[in-house]
Amino acid sequence: MAETKIVVMYPYPSDVDKFERAYVDEHMPIAQKIPNVKRFVATKVAATPTGDQPTFYRIAELYFESLDSLKEALGSEAGQAAAGHAVSISSGGMPTFLIAEEETMTF
């Protein structure tokens, strides 16, 4: 069964240390108030296969029970605050927001 999630991809910031402080100290407490979140995965992109600077620095994935649950969360006061704050701290450009369904396969 596919899981519904929102993916937020932050471009590489102009000041990594400043972004990290804002992300950890400010953004995470705001994001933790978003209703209906089943699971949160925060990824820091370490490198690219070619050694170039990654296009994205952080990727956040917030999982929800359903698309309706995700829409409710994004429409909430906390969801709107988190989205606005995500944009305000993204010094490398506008973050990319995606709504996706994830399917996990085992081989």
Protein backbone atom coordinates (compact mmCIF):
# COMPACT_ATOMS: atom_id res chain seq x y z
CA MET A 1 0.00 0.00 0.00
CA ALA A 2 1.30 3.44 -0.93
CA GLU A 3 1.95 6.03 1.76
CA THR A 4 1.05 9.66 1.13
CA LYS A 5 3.70 12.23 1.91
CA ILE A 6 4.82 15.76 1.29
CA VAL A 7 8.44 16.18 0.27
CA VAL A 8 10.22 19.49 0.82
CA MET A 9 13.57 19.87 -0.96
CA TYR A 10 15.73 22.78 0.13
CA PRO A 11 18.27 24.14 -2.38
CA TYR A 12 21.86 24.33 -1.21
CA PRO A 13 21.91 27.37 1.11
CA SER A 14 24.13 30.41 0.72
CA ASP A 15 25.20 29.99 4.38
CA VAL A 16 25.04 26.37 5.58
CA ASP A 17 25.62 27.13 9.26
CA LYS A 18 22.94 29.82 9.36
CA PHE A 19 20.48 27.53 7.56
CA GLU A 20 21.21 24.64 9.94
CA ARG A 21 20.61 26.82 12.98
CA ALA A 22 17.32 28.08 11.56
CA TYR A 23 16.24 24.60 10.45
CA VAL A 24 17.02 22.84 13.73
CA ASP A 25 16.27 25.58 16.25
CA GLU A 26 13.32 27.30 14.58
CA HIS A 27 11.80 25.16 11.85
CA MET A 28 11.72 21.77 13.54
CA PRO A 29 9.68 23.02 16.55
CA ILE A 30 7.18 24.60 14.13
CA ALA A 31 6.98 21.48 11.95
CA GLN A 32 6.41 19.26 14.99
CA LYS A 33 3.07 21.01 15.52
CA ILE A 34 1.68 19.97 12.12
CA PRO A 35 -1.31 17.69 12.77
CA ASN A 36 -1.78 14.18 11.35
CA VAL A 37 1.92 13.48 10.71
CA LYS A 38 2.60 9.74 11.06
CA ARG A 39 6.33 9.90 10.42
CA PHE A 40 8.93 12.54 9.65
CA VAL A 41 12.21 11.84 7.83
CA ALA A 42 14.87 14.56 7.66
CA THR A 43 17.68 13.91 5.19
CA LYS A 44 20.86 15.92 4.78
CA VAL A 45 22.34 15.36 1.32
CA ALA A 46 26.00 14.42 1.78
CA ALA A 47 27.39 14.37 -1.76
CA THR A 48 26.81 13.64 -5.42
CA PRO A 49 28.41 10.76 -7.33
CA THR A 50 30.43 13.28 -9.36
CA GLY A 51 31.67 15.23 -6.33
CA ASP A 52 29.78 18.38 -7.38
CA GLN A 53 27.88 20.42 -4.82
CA PRO A 54 24.43 18.84 -4.45
CA THR A 55 21.49 20.77 -5.88
CA PHE A 56 19.55 20.12 -2.69
CA TYR A 57 20.94 20.37 0.84
CA ARG A 58 18.06 18.97 2.90
CA ILE A 59 15.02 16.90 2.07
CA ALA A 60 12.13 16.60 4.50
CA GLU A 61 9.44 13.93 4.13
CA LEU A 62 6.25 14.08 6.20
CA TYR A 63 4.02 11.01 5.97
CA PHE A 64 0.24 10.95 6.36
CA GLU A 65 -2.54 8.37 6.55
CA SER A 66 -4.19 9.66 3.37
CA LEU A 67 -4.28 12.52 0.89
CA ASP A 68 -7.21 14.02 2.80
CA SER A 69 -5.20 13.86 6.04
CA LEU A 70 -2.27 15.61 4.29
CA LYS A 71 -4.54 18.32 2.88
CA GLU A 72 -6.05 18.90 6.31
CA ALA A 73 -2.57 19.21 7.81
CA LEU A 74 -1.36 21.64 5.16
CA GLY A 75 -4.46 23.77 5.58
CA SER A 76 -4.03 23.98 9.34
CA GLU A 77 -2.51 26.98 11.09
CA ALA A 78 0.58 24.91 11.95
CA GLY A 79 0.89 23.61 8.37
CA GLN A 80 0.70 27.12 6.96
CA ALA A 81 3.22 28.41 9.50
CA ALA A 82 5.66 25.59 8.67
CA ALA A 83 5.36 26.15 4.91
CA GLY A 84 5.90 29.89 5.29
CA HIS A 85 8.88 29.37 7.56
CA ALA A 86 10.38 26.82 5.14
CA VAL A 87 10.32 29.44 2.41
CA SER A 88 11.73 32.16 4.68
CA ILE A 89 14.82 30.15 5.74
CA SER A 90 15.65 28.77 2.29
CA SER A 91 18.52 31.10 1.34
CA GLY A 92 19.49 29.08 -1.75
CA GLY A 93 16.19 29.72 -3.50
CA MET A 94 12.60 28.57 -3.23
CA PRO A 95 12.22 25.09 -1.74
CA THR A 96 10.48 22.52 -3.91
CA PHE A 97 7.26 21.08 -2.44
CA LEU A 98 5.94 17.78 -3.79
CA ILE A 99 3.00 15.60 -2.81
CA ALA A 100 3.80 11.96 -3.48
CA GLU A 101 2.76 8.38 -2.88
CA GLU A 102 5.56 6.11 -1.76
CA GLU A 103 5.58 2.39 -2.50
CA THR A 104 8.05 0.20 -0.67
CA MET A 105 9.21 -3.03 -2.27
CA THR A 106 11.33 -5.74 -0.79
CA PHE A 107 13.60 -7.82 -3.00
